[in-house]
PDB file of N, CA and C in Angstrom:
ATOM      1  N   MET A   1      -2.794 -26.360  -9.707  1.00  0.00           N
ATOM      2  CA  MET A   1      -1.410 -25.968  -9.517  1.00  0.00           C
ATOM      3  C   MET A   1      -1.103 -24.758 -10.390  1.00  0.00           C
ATOM      4  N   TRP A   2      -0.299 -23.884  -9.836  1.00  0.00           N
ATOM      5  CA  TRP A   2       0.094 -22.701 -10.581  1.00  0.00           C
ATOM      6  C   TRP A   2       1.402 -22.954 -11.299  1.00  0.00           C
ATOM      7  N   GLN A   3       1.913 -21.938 -11.878  1.00  0.00           N
ATOM      8  CA  GLN A   3       3.155 -21.992 -12.633  1.00  0.00           C
ATOM      9  C   GLN A   3       4.295 -22.565 -11.793  1.00  0.00           C
ATOM     10  N   SER A   4       4.960 -23.605 -12.276  1.00  0.00           N
ATOM     11  CA  SER A   4       6.143 -24.203 -11.656  1.00  0.00           C
ATOM     12  C   SER A   4       5.944 -24.582 -10.195  1.00  0.00           C
ATOM     13  N   GLY A   5       4.774 -25.035  -9.812  1.00  0.00           N
ATOM     14  CA  GLY A   5       4.530 -25.470  -8.447  1.00  0.00           C
ATOM     15  C   GLY A   5       4.401 -24.351  -7.441  1.00  0.00           C
ATOM     16  N   LYS A   6       4.116 -23.157  -7.868  1.00  0.00           N
ATOM     17  CA  LYS A   6       3.983 -22.012  -6.966  1.00  0.00           C
ATOM     18  C   LYS A   6       2.521 -21.896  -6.544  1.00  0.00           C
ATOM     19  N   TYR A   7       2.282 -22.089  -5.252  1.00  0.00           N
ATOM     20  CA  TYR A   7       0.922 -22.137  -4.737  1.00  0.00           C
ATOM     21  C   TYR A   7       0.479 -20.853  -4.044  1.00  0.00           C
ATOM     22  N   TYR A   8       1.400 -19.957  -3.759  1.00  0.00           N
ATOM     23  CA  TYR A   8       1.092 -18.742  -3.013  1.00  0.00           C
ATOM     24  C   TYR A   8       1.434 -17.518  -3.848  1.00  0.00           C
ATOM     25  N   PHE A   9       0.804 -16.419  -3.511  1.00  0.00           N
ATOM     26  CA  PHE A   9       1.165 -15.171  -4.157  1.00  0.00           C
ATOM     27  C   PHE A   9       1.065 -14.042  -3.138  1.00  0.00           C
ATOM     28  N   ILE A  10       1.844 -12.999  -3.370  1.00  0.00           N
ATOM     29  CA  ILE A  10       1.739 -11.779  -2.575  1.00  0.00           C
ATOM     30  C   ILE A  10       1.636 -10.613  -3.551  1.00  0.00           C
ATOM     31  N   THR A  11       0.916  -9.612  -3.134  1.00  0.00           N
ATOM     32  CA  THR A  11       0.784  -8.417  -3.964  1.00  0.00           C
ATOM     33  C   THR A  11       1.355  -7.225  -3.219  1.00  0.00           C
ATOM     34  N   PHE A  12       2.011  -6.374  -3.952  1.00  0.00           N
ATOM     35  CA  PHE A  12       2.548  -5.127  -3.431  1.00  0.00           C
ATOM     36  C   PHE A  12       1.923  -4.007  -4.257  1.00  0.00           C
ATOM     37  N   LEU A  13       1.379  -3.015  -3.583  1.00  0.00           N
ATOM     38  CA  LEU A  13       0.722  -1.907  -4.267  1.00  0.00           C
ATOM     39  C   LEU A  13       1.227  -0.584  -3.720  1.00  0.00           C
ATOM     40  N   ASP A  14       1.725   0.247  -4.601  1.00  0.00           N
ATOM     41  CA  ASP A  14       2.085   1.614  -4.248  1.00  0.00           C
ATOM     42  C   ASP A  14       0.847   2.458  -4.541  1.00  0.00           C
ATOM     43  N   GLU A  15       0.174   2.890  -3.488  1.00  0.00           N
ATOM     44  CA  GLU A  15      -1.088   3.604  -3.673  1.00  0.00           C
ATOM     45  C   GLU A  15      -0.905   5.000  -4.251  1.00  0.00           C
ATOM     46  N   TYR A  16       0.287   5.569  -4.125  1.00  0.00           N
ATOM     47  CA  TYR A  16       0.521   6.901  -4.671  1.00  0.00           C
ATOM     48  C   TYR A  16       0.721   6.838  -6.187  1.00  0.00           C
ATOM     49  N   TYR A  17       1.611   5.931  -6.628  1.00  0.00           N
ATOM     50  CA  TYR A  17       1.918   5.817  -8.055  1.00  0.00           C
ATOM     51  C   TYR A  17       1.071   4.763  -8.762  1.00  0.00           C
ATOM     52  N   HIS A  18       0.268   4.017  -8.008  1.00  0.00           N
ATOM     53  CA  HIS A  18      -0.568   2.942  -8.548  1.00  0.00           C
ATOM     54  C   HIS A  18       0.272   1.866  -9.226  1.00  0.00           C
ATOM     55  N   TYR A  19       1.421   1.578  -8.618  1.00  0.00           N
ATOM     56  CA  TYR A  19       2.300   0.522  -9.100  1.00  0.00           C
ATOM     57  C   TYR A  19       1.897  -0.775  -8.410  1.00  0.00           C
ATOM     58  N   LEU A  20       1.642  -1.822  -9.166  1.00  0.00           N
ATOM     59  CA  LEU A  20       1.225  -3.110  -8.621  1.00  0.00           C
ATOM     60  C   LEU A  20       2.218  -4.171  -9.038  1.00  0.00           C
ATOM     61  N   LYS A  21       2.625  -4.981  -8.074  1.00  0.00           N
ATOM     62  CA  LYS A  21       3.530  -6.093  -8.359  1.00  0.00           C
ATOM     63  C   LYS A  21       2.957  -7.336  -7.697  1.00  0.00           C
ATOM     64  N   VAL A  22       2.852  -8.414  -8.446  1.00  0.00           N
ATOM     65  CA  VAL A  22       2.392  -9.699  -7.935  1.00  0.00           C
ATOM     66  C   VAL A  22       3.563 -10.671  -8.034  1.00  0.00           C
ATOM     67  N   VAL A  23       3.858 -11.349  -6.927  1.00  0.00           N
ATOM     68  CA  VAL A  23       4.964 -12.302  -6.882  1.00  0.00           C
ATOM     69  C   VAL A  23       4.400 -13.678  -6.553  1.00  0.00           C
ATOM     70  N   LEU A  24       4.752 -14.672  -7.369  1.00  0.00           N
ATOM     71  CA  LEU A  24       4.336 -16.049  -7.117  1.00  0.00           C
ATOM     72  C   LEU A  24       5.397 -16.741  -6.260  1.00  0.00           C
ATOM     73  N   LEU A  25       4.952 -17.499  -5.252  1.00  0.00           N
ATOM     74  CA  LEU A  25       5.865 -18.140  -4.305  1.00  0.00           C
ATOM     75  C   LEU A  25       5.587 -19.631  -4.202  1.00  0.00           C
ATOM     76  N   LYS A  26       6.648 -20.415  -3.987  1.00  0.00           N
ATOM     77  CA  LYS A  26       6.480 -21.837  -3.727  1.00  0.00           C
ATOM     78  C   LYS A  26       6.102 -22.068  -2.275  1.00  0.00           C
ATOM     79  N   SER A  27       6.580 -21.213  -1.380  1.00  0.00           N
ATOM     80  CA  SER A  27       6.251 -21.353   0.039  1.00  0.00           C
ATOM     81  C   SER A  27       6.176 -19.967   0.670  1.00  0.00           C
ATOM     82  N   LYS A  28       5.480 -19.876   1.793  1.00  0.00           N
ATOM     83  CA  LYS A  28       5.290 -18.589   2.452  1.00  0.00           C
ATOM     84  C   LYS A  28       6.576 -18.036   3.059  1.00  0.00           C
ATOM     85  N   ASN A  29       7.564 -18.891   3.319  1.00  0.00           N
ATOM     86  CA  ASN A  29       8.789 -18.396   3.940  1.00  0.00           C
ATOM     87  C   ASN A  29       9.632 -17.536   2.997  1.00  0.00           C
ATOM     88  N   LYS A  30       9.246 -17.393   1.764  1.00  0.00           N
ATOM     89  CA  LYS A  30       9.939 -16.517   0.802  1.00  0.00           C
ATOM     90  C   LYS A  30       9.392 -15.086   0.846  1.00  0.00           C
ATOM     91  N   THR A  31       8.379 -14.850   1.666  1.00  0.00           N
ATOM     92  CA  THR A  31       7.721 -13.547   1.722  1.00  0.00           C
ATOM     93  C   THR A  31       8.674 -12.456   2.174  1.00  0.00           C
ATOM     94  N   GLU A  32       9.407 -12.695   3.257  1.00  0.00           N
ATOM     95  CA  GLU A  32      10.317 -11.672   3.781  1.00  0.00           C
ATOM     96  C   GLU A  32      11.392 -11.305   2.772  1.00  0.00           C
ATOM     97  N   LYS A  33      11.945 -12.310   2.100  1.00  0.00           N
ATOM     98  CA  LYS A  33      12.981 -12.060   1.094  1.00  0.00           C
ATOM     99  C   LYS A  33      12.449 -11.142  -0.014  1.00  0.00           C
ATOM    100  N   ASN A  34      11.226 -11.412  -0.469  1.00  0.00           N
ATOM    101  CA  ASN A  34      10.634 -10.605  -1.531  1.00  0.00           C
ATOM    102  C   ASN A  34      10.303  -9.201  -1.058  1.00  0.00           C
ATOM    103  N   LEU A  35       9.870  -9.057   0.188  1.00  0.00           N
ATOM    104  CA  LEU A  35       9.593  -7.733   0.731  1.00  0.00           C
ATOM    105  C   LEU A  35      10.877  -6.912   0.823  1.00  0.00           C
ATOM    106  N   LYS A  36      11.944  -7.521   1.309  1.00  0.00           N
ATOM    107  CA  LYS A  36      13.239  -6.825   1.382  1.00  0.00           C
ATOM    108  C   LYS A  36      13.679  -6.356   0.004  1.00  0.00           C
ATOM    109  N   PHE A  37      13.561  -7.248  -0.983  1.00  0.00           N
ATOM    110  CA  PHE A  37      13.955  -6.902  -2.344  1.00  0.00           C
ATOM    111  C   PHE A  37      13.121  -5.736  -2.868  1.00  0.00           C
ATOM    112  N   LEU A  38      11.822  -5.787  -2.650  1.00  0.00           N
ATOM    113  CA  LEU A  38      10.953  -4.735  -3.158  1.00  0.00           C
ATOM    114  C   LEU A  38      11.250  -3.392  -2.495  1.00  0.00           C
ATOM    115  N   ILE A  39      11.529  -3.400  -1.202  1.00  0.00           N
ATOM    116  CA  ILE A  39      11.869  -2.153  -0.499  1.00  0.00           C
ATOM    117  C   ILE A  39      13.146  -1.547  -1.076  1.00  0.00           C
ATOM    118  N   GLU A  40      14.171  -2.368  -1.248  1.00  0.00           N
ATOM    119  CA  GLU A  40      15.430  -1.867  -1.811  1.00  0.00           C
ATOM    120  C   GLU A  40      15.248  -1.422  -3.255  1.00  0.00           C
ATOM    121  N   HIS A  41      14.489  -2.166  -4.026  1.00  0.00           N
ATOM    122  CA  HIS A  41      14.229  -1.810  -5.427  1.00  0.00           C
ATOM    123  C   HIS A  41      13.479  -0.483  -5.503  1.00  0.00           C
ATOM    124  N   GLY A  42      12.526  -0.286  -4.614  1.00  0.00           N
ATOM    125  CA  GLY A  42      11.772   0.965  -4.581  1.00  0.00           C
ATOM    126  C   GLY A  42      12.641   2.161  -4.248  1.00  0.00           C
ATOM    127  N   LYS A  43      13.588   1.972  -3.343  1.00  0.00           N
ATOM    128  CA  LYS A  43      14.514   3.064  -2.990  1.00  0.00           C
ATOM    129  C   LYS A  43      15.342   3.474  -4.200  1.00  0.00           C
ATOM    130  N   VAL A  44      15.790   2.494  -4.954  1.00  0.00           N
ATOM    131  CA  VAL A  44      16.624   2.782  -6.123  1.00  0.00           C
ATOM    132  C   VAL A  44      15.797   3.429  -7.231  1.00  0.00           C
ATOM    133  N   GLU A  45      14.642   2.857  -7.526  1.00  0.00           N
ATOM    134  CA  GLU A  45      13.801   3.351  -8.616  1.00  0.00           C
ATOM    135  C   GLU A  45      13.238   4.739  -8.341  1.00  0.00           C
ATOM    136  N   ALA A  46      12.701   4.945  -7.155  1.00  0.00           N
ATOM    137  CA  ALA A  46      12.034   6.211  -6.841  1.00  0.00           C
ATOM    138  C   ALA A  46      12.981   7.222  -6.220  1.00  0.00           C
ATOM    139  N   GLY A  47      14.100   6.735  -5.675  1.00  0.00           N
ATOM    140  CA  GLY A  47      15.012   7.636  -5.000  1.00  0.00           C
ATOM    141  C   GLY A  47      14.474   8.137  -3.672  1.00  0.00           C
ATOM    142  N   GLN A  48      13.513   7.421  -3.107  1.00  0.00           N
ATOM    143  CA  GLN A  48      12.891   7.805  -1.846  1.00  0.00           C
ATOM    144  C   GLN A  48      12.733   6.581  -0.960  1.00  0.00           C
ATOM    145  N   HIS A  49      12.629   6.842   0.338  1.00  0.00           N
ATOM    146  CA  HIS A  49      12.407   5.760   1.282  1.00  0.00           C
ATOM    147  C   HIS A  49      10.917   5.478   1.395  1.00  0.00           C
ATOM    148  N   ILE A  50      10.589   4.255   1.751  1.00  0.00           N
ATOM    149  CA  ILE A  50       9.194   3.895   1.990  1.00  0.00           C
ATOM    150  C   ILE A  50       8.788   4.450   3.338  1.00  0.00           C
ATOM    151  N   ASN A  51       7.689   5.195   3.382  1.00  0.00           N
ATOM    152  CA  ASN A  51       7.247   5.842   4.615  1.00  0.00           C
ATOM    153  C   ASN A  51       6.428   4.922   5.507  1.00  0.00           C
ATOM    154  N   PHE A  52       5.563   4.104   4.925  1.00  0.00           N
ATOM    155  CA  PHE A  52       4.755   3.189   5.729  1.00  0.00           C
ATOM    156  C   PHE A  52       4.311   2.010   4.885  1.00  0.00           C
ATOM    157  N   ILE A  53       3.970   0.946   5.587  1.00  0.00           N
ATOM    158  CA  ILE A  53       3.506  -0.272   4.938  1.00  0.00           C
ATOM    159  C   ILE A  53       2.224  -0.701   5.624  1.00  0.00           C
ATOM    160  N   LYS A  54       1.199  -1.001   4.837  1.00  0.00           N
ATOM    161  CA  LYS A  54      -0.053  -1.538   5.376  1.00  0.00           C
ATOM    162  C   LYS A  54      -0.038  -3.049   5.184  1.00  0.00           C
ATOM    163  N   LEU A  55      -0.389  -3.771   6.235  1.00  0.00           N
ATOM    164  CA  LEU A  55      -0.393  -5.228   6.182  1.00  0.00           C
ATOM    165  C   LEU A  55      -1.800  -5.755   6.406  1.00  0.00           C
ATOM    166  N   ASP A  56      -2.037  -6.981   5.964  1.00  0.00           N
ATOM    167  CA  ASP A  56      -3.350  -7.593   6.169  1.00  0.00           C
ATOM    168  C   ASP A  56      -3.437  -8.378   7.471  1.00  0.00           C
ATOM    169  N   GLY A  57      -2.353  -8.432   8.235  1.00  0.00           N
ATOM    170  CA  GLY A  57      -2.365  -9.099   9.527  1.00  0.00           C
ATOM    171  C   GLY A  57      -2.215 -10.606   9.459  1.00  0.00           C
ATOM    172  N   SER A  58      -1.792 -11.135   8.334  1.00  0.00           N
ATOM    173  CA  SER A  58      -1.697 -12.588   8.197  1.00  0.00           C
ATOM    174  C   SER A  58      -0.456 -13.174   8.851  1.00  0.00           C
ATOM    175  N   GLY A  59       0.529 -12.360   9.226  1.00  0.00           N
ATOM    176  CA  GLY A  59       1.674 -12.835   9.982  1.00  0.00           C
ATOM    177  C   GLY A  59       2.902 -13.201   9.177  1.00  0.00           C
ATOM    178  N   GLU A  60       2.899 -13.050   7.862  1.00  0.00           N
ATOM    179  CA  GLU A  60       4.089 -13.379   7.085  1.00  0.00           C
ATOM    180  C   GLU A  60       5.222 -12.386   7.313  1.00  0.00           C
ATOM    181  N   TYR A  61       4.873 -11.180   7.677  1.00  0.00           N
ATOM    182  CA  TYR A  61       5.881 -10.152   7.907  1.00  0.00           C
ATOM    183  C   TYR A  61       6.145 -10.053   9.405  1.00  0.00           C
ATOM    184  N   THR A  62       7.413 -10.102   9.790  1.00  0.00           N
ATOM    185  CA  THR A  62       7.741 -10.010  11.207  1.00  0.00           C
ATOM    186  C   THR A  62       8.131  -8.582  11.556  1.00  0.00           C
ATOM    187  N   LEU A  63       7.993  -8.244  12.807  1.00  0.00           N
ATOM    188  CA  LEU A  63       8.361  -6.907  13.251  1.00  0.00           C
ATOM    189  C   LEU A  63       9.852  -6.648  13.078  1.00  0.00           C
ATOM    190  N   ASP A  64      10.690  -7.672  13.253  1.00  0.00           N
ATOM    191  CA  ASP A  64      12.132  -7.483  13.074  1.00  0.00           C
ATOM    192  C   ASP A  64      12.464  -7.043  11.655  1.00  0.00           C
ATOM    193  N   LEU A  65      11.772  -7.580  10.690  1.00  0.00           N
ATOM    194  CA  LEU A  65      12.003  -7.219   9.289  1.00  0.00           C
ATOM    195  C   LEU A  65      11.640  -5.768   9.030  1.00  0.00           C
ATOM    196  N   LEU A  66      10.590  -5.288   9.625  1.00  0.00           N
ATOM    197  CA  LEU A  66      10.084  -3.954   9.308  1.00  0.00           C
ATOM    198  C   LEU A  66      10.763  -2.837  10.100  1.00  0.00           C
ATOM    199  N   LYS A  67      11.633  -3.169  11.043  1.00  0.00           N
ATOM    200  CA  LYS A  67      12.315  -2.124  11.832  1.00  0.00           C
ATOM    201  C   LYS A  67      13.330  -1.368  11.013  1.00  0.00           C
TER     202      LYS A  67
END
């Protein structure tokens, strides 16, 4: 068992700035919420929009979220 019952993790990597963020999750359904937060946080911090996202094809991210 991981910290506080969190069994899943997702990683976010900005390949340009080499910024890495690892988020621990209790369930996979929290993935979209964390992605939304990271996108908005990135806009504020960098002052730029995210141009593209590479996915591993595991299905946690839906097309509606990424539009």
